[in-house]
Protein backbone atom coordinates (compact mmCIF):
# COMPACT_ATOMS: atom_id res chain seq x y z
CA CYS A 1 146.46 134.10 133.83
CA ALA A 2 144.49 135.30 136.77
CA PRO A 3 141.67 133.59 138.69
CA GLY A 4 138.65 133.53 136.43
CA SER A 5 140.68 133.80 133.20
CA GLU A 6 139.57 131.71 130.27
CA VAL A 7 142.25 129.41 128.87
CA ALA A 8 142.41 126.84 126.09
CA LEU A 9 144.21 123.60 126.84
CA ARG A 10 145.36 120.96 124.41
CA VAL A 11 147.15 117.75 125.32
CA GLY A 12 148.89 115.74 122.61
CA GLY A 13 147.88 115.38 119.01
CA ASP A 14 148.46 117.85 116.19
CA PHE A 15 148.83 121.41 117.36
CA PHE A 16 150.53 124.56 116.15
CA PHE A 17 150.77 128.30 116.69
CA ASP A 18 150.35 130.25 113.46
CA PRO A 19 148.91 133.72 114.14
CA GLN A 20 148.20 136.00 111.20
CA PRO A 21 149.28 139.69 110.99
CA GLY A 22 145.78 141.02 111.74
CA ASP A 23 145.15 138.75 114.74
CA PRO A 24 145.14 140.35 118.20
CA PRO A 25 148.17 139.69 120.44
CA VAL A 26 147.77 136.74 122.80
CA LYS A 27 149.60 135.57 125.87
CA VAL A 28 150.79 131.99 125.45
CA VAL A 29 151.53 129.50 128.23
CA LEU A 30 153.43 126.36 127.22
CA VAL A 31 153.68 123.40 129.63
CA ALA A 32 156.12 120.59 128.87
CA GLY A 33 157.50 117.53 130.59
CA GLY A 34 160.59 115.61 129.50
CA VAL A 35 160.89 115.07 125.75
CA GLY A 36 157.45 116.65 125.33
CA ILE A 37 159.40 119.90 124.96
CA ASN A 38 160.18 119.15 121.30
CA PRO A 39 157.04 120.59 119.63
CA LEU A 40 156.80 123.37 122.21
CA PHE A 41 160.42 124.37 121.59
CA SER A 42 159.51 124.76 117.91
CA ILE A 43 156.64 127.04 118.91
CA LEU A 44 159.03 129.00 121.16
CA LEU A 45 161.44 129.49 118.24
CA HIS A 46 158.55 130.67 116.07
CA VAL A 47 157.56 133.16 118.79
CA ALA A 48 161.15 134.45 118.87
CA ASP A 49 161.00 134.92 115.08
CA LEU A 50 157.75 136.86 115.46
CA HIS A 51 159.31 139.11 118.13
CA GLU A 52 162.41 139.62 115.97
CA SER A 53 160.30 140.53 112.95
CA GLN A 54 158.24 142.98 114.99
CA GLU A 55 161.36 144.63 116.44
CA SER A 56 163.34 144.84 113.19
CA LYS A 57 160.58 145.53 110.66
CA GLY A 58 157.83 146.92 112.86
CA GLY A 59 155.31 144.80 111.00
CA GLY A 60 153.69 141.41 111.00
CA TYR A 61 152.00 139.82 113.95
CA LYS A 62 152.45 141.62 117.27
CA MET A 63 153.26 138.81 119.68
CA GLY A 64 152.19 138.85 123.31
CA THR A 65 154.23 137.27 126.08
CA VAL A 66 155.11 133.58 126.30
CA SER A 67 155.65 131.65 129.52
CA LEU A 68 157.17 128.18 129.35
CA TYR A 69 156.88 125.76 132.26
CA TYR A 70 159.16 122.79 131.73
CA SER A 71 159.69 119.81 134.05
CA ALA A 72 162.18 116.95 133.99
CA LYS A 73 163.82 114.57 136.45
CA ASN A 74 166.98 116.65 136.67
CA THR A 75 168.75 119.50 134.90
CA ASN A 76 170.63 117.06 132.64
CA GLU A 77 167.29 116.00 131.18
CA LEU A 78 166.13 119.57 130.45
CA LEU A 79 166.53 119.56 126.67
CA PHE A 80 167.34 122.86 124.93
CA LYS A 81 167.94 124.60 128.29
CA LYS A 82 170.83 126.73 126.96
CA ASN A 83 168.76 127.74 123.91
CA ILE A 84 165.79 128.60 126.13
CA LEU A 85 167.99 130.72 128.42
CA GLY A 86 169.33 132.48 125.31
CA LEU A 87 165.80 133.28 124.13
CA MET A 88 164.92 134.70 127.55
CA ASP A 89 168.04 136.89 127.39
CA ALA A 90 167.26 138.00 123.83
CA PHE A 91 163.63 138.86 124.62
CA PRO A 92 163.49 139.86 128.31
CA GLY A 93 159.97 140.02 129.68
CA LYS A 94 158.57 138.66 126.42
CA ILE A 95 159.78 135.07 126.78
CA THR A 96 160.03 133.58 130.27
CA CYS A 97 160.63 130.08 131.56
CA ARG A 98 160.36 128.24 134.85
CA PHE A 99 162.14 124.91 134.97
CA HIS A 100 161.10 122.30 137.52
CA VAL A 101 163.15 119.24 138.48
CA THR A 102 161.77 116.33 140.48
CA GLN A 103 164.82 114.16 141.24
CA GLN A 104 167.84 116.48 141.22
CA ARG A 105 170.73 114.94 143.16
CA SER A 106 173.56 117.33 142.29
CA GLN A 107 173.92 121.07 142.75
CA ILE A 108 172.15 123.23 140.17
CA CYS A 109 174.42 125.46 138.09
CA LYS A 110 174.26 129.22 138.79
CA GLU A 111 172.94 129.96 135.30
CA LEU A 112 169.77 127.90 135.93
CA GLN A 113 169.25 128.69 139.62
CA PRO A 114 167.10 131.82 139.14
CA HIS A 115 164.74 129.92 136.82
CA ILE A 116 164.39 126.58 138.59
CA THR A 117 162.30 124.98 141.32
CA GLY A 118 162.37 121.44 142.59
CA LYS A 119 162.75 119.07 145.48
């Protein structure tokens, strides 16, 4: 997003991401805190499937980029972090994530350091 961009925001409730093959590509921003990652991780896996389908078959919905912003108290509470890192590696530039920790007491592992901010 850039200043002046129009965005849609939804907090809680029933939500999903189910684009159809003829729909225009969109950029998706997912924001999660703690266990709130669960439904957004499902969306992220669906996005990965859409990218995989586009790359292998050349058809279906052409997915735009996805940026995930995910916050927890510390890196131990970042659920699915290894899976998320794997998706970023599998789809570089198409799936990105920034982790944020608020109460980290121990050193952050090297694998997460490039993707993390915190106190």
